[in-house]
Amino acid sequence: MWPAIVLDESPVGVHKGLNKISVEKSVKVQFFGTHDFARVKTTQVISFLRGLLSSFHLKCKKSNFVQSLEEAKM
């Protein structure tokens, strides 16, 4: 799990390279740390607090993951 913010569909526009997932079953997000955009399935989205309580933040070993957590906390 990587922290991200769910984006409003209207102002984002078209982003090349976004996954081709059904709009009804997905949301556009921007990831903290990398600032990449993606379309993810709604079943893969959980709240930041729930992710912390489930200790998901302890499972990632990438160096820029800590930076993404700091950005998400702001």
Protein backbone atom coordinates (compact mmCIF):
# COMPACT_ATOMS: atom_id res chain seq x y z
CA MET A 1 0.00 0.00 0.00
CA TRP A 2 1.26 3.46 -0.93
CA PRO A 3 -0.36 6.64 0.45
CA ALA A 4 -2.31 8.66 -2.11
CA ILE A 5 -5.03 11.25 -2.34
CA VAL A 6 -8.25 10.54 -4.22
CA LEU A 7 -8.76 13.22 -6.86
CA ASP A 8 -11.94 14.85 -8.06
CA GLU A 9 -12.62 13.48 -11.54
CA SER A 10 -13.48 16.80 -13.21
CA PRO A 11 -10.32 18.97 -12.94
CA VAL A 12 -7.81 16.17 -13.47
CA GLY A 13 -8.47 15.68 -17.15
CA VAL A 14 -6.85 12.98 -19.22
CA HIS A 15 -3.53 11.56 -18.06
CA LYS A 16 -1.66 9.34 -20.48
CA GLY A 17 -0.67 6.02 -19.02
CA LEU A 18 -3.48 5.68 -16.49
CA ASN A 19 -4.75 2.14 -16.10
CA LYS A 20 -7.78 1.35 -18.20
CA ILE A 21 -10.13 0.39 -15.36
CA SER A 22 -13.88 0.94 -15.43
CA VAL A 23 -14.65 4.48 -14.24
CA GLU A 24 -17.60 3.22 -12.18
CA LYS A 25 -15.36 0.83 -10.23
CA SER A 26 -12.27 3.02 -9.82
CA VAL A 27 -10.96 6.40 -8.68
CA LYS A 28 -8.12 8.63 -9.85
CA VAL A 29 -5.38 9.12 -7.28
CA GLN A 30 -2.10 10.97 -6.94
CA PHE A 31 0.53 9.21 -4.88
CA PHE A 32 2.44 11.03 -2.17
CA GLY A 33 6.22 10.98 -2.55
CA THR A 34 6.34 10.09 -6.26
CA HIS A 35 3.46 12.42 -7.27
CA ASP A 36 2.46 9.90 -9.95
CA PHE A 37 -1.17 9.57 -11.06
CA ALA A 38 -3.08 6.31 -11.37
CA ARG A 39 -6.55 4.87 -11.59
CA VAL A 40 -7.12 2.24 -8.89
CA LYS A 41 -10.01 -0.05 -8.13
CA THR A 42 -12.26 1.17 -5.33
CA THR A 43 -11.73 -2.19 -3.58
CA GLN A 44 -8.03 -1.28 -3.22
CA VAL A 45 -8.69 2.06 -1.50
CA ILE A 46 -8.59 2.34 2.29
CA SER A 47 -8.34 5.35 4.58
CA PHE A 48 -4.91 6.54 5.71
CA LEU A 49 -5.81 5.89 9.35
CA ARG A 50 -6.98 2.34 8.63
CA GLY A 51 -3.71 1.70 6.80
CA LEU A 52 -1.72 2.88 9.82
CA LEU A 53 -3.82 0.82 12.22
CA SER A 54 -3.28 -2.24 9.99
CA SER A 55 0.50 -1.61 10.04
CA PHE A 56 0.71 -1.37 6.24
CA HIS A 57 3.34 1.36 6.66
CA LEU A 58 5.72 -1.19 8.21
CA LYS A 59 5.64 -3.48 5.16
CA CYS A 60 7.23 -1.19 2.55
CA LYS A 61 11.03 -1.07 2.37
CA LYS A 62 11.44 1.54 -0.41
CA SER A 63 13.54 4.55 0.55
CA ASN A 64 11.06 7.21 -0.62
CA PHE A 65 8.18 5.59 1.25
CA VAL A 66 9.02 7.50 4.45
CA GLN A 67 8.89 10.76 2.46
CA SER A 68 5.47 9.81 1.12
CA LEU A 69 4.19 9.20 4.66
CA GLU A 70 5.47 12.61 5.78
CA GLU A 71 3.70 14.31 2.85
CA ALA A 72 0.48 12.44 3.62
CA LYS A 73 0.53 13.57 7.26
CA MET A 74 0.65 17.27 6.26
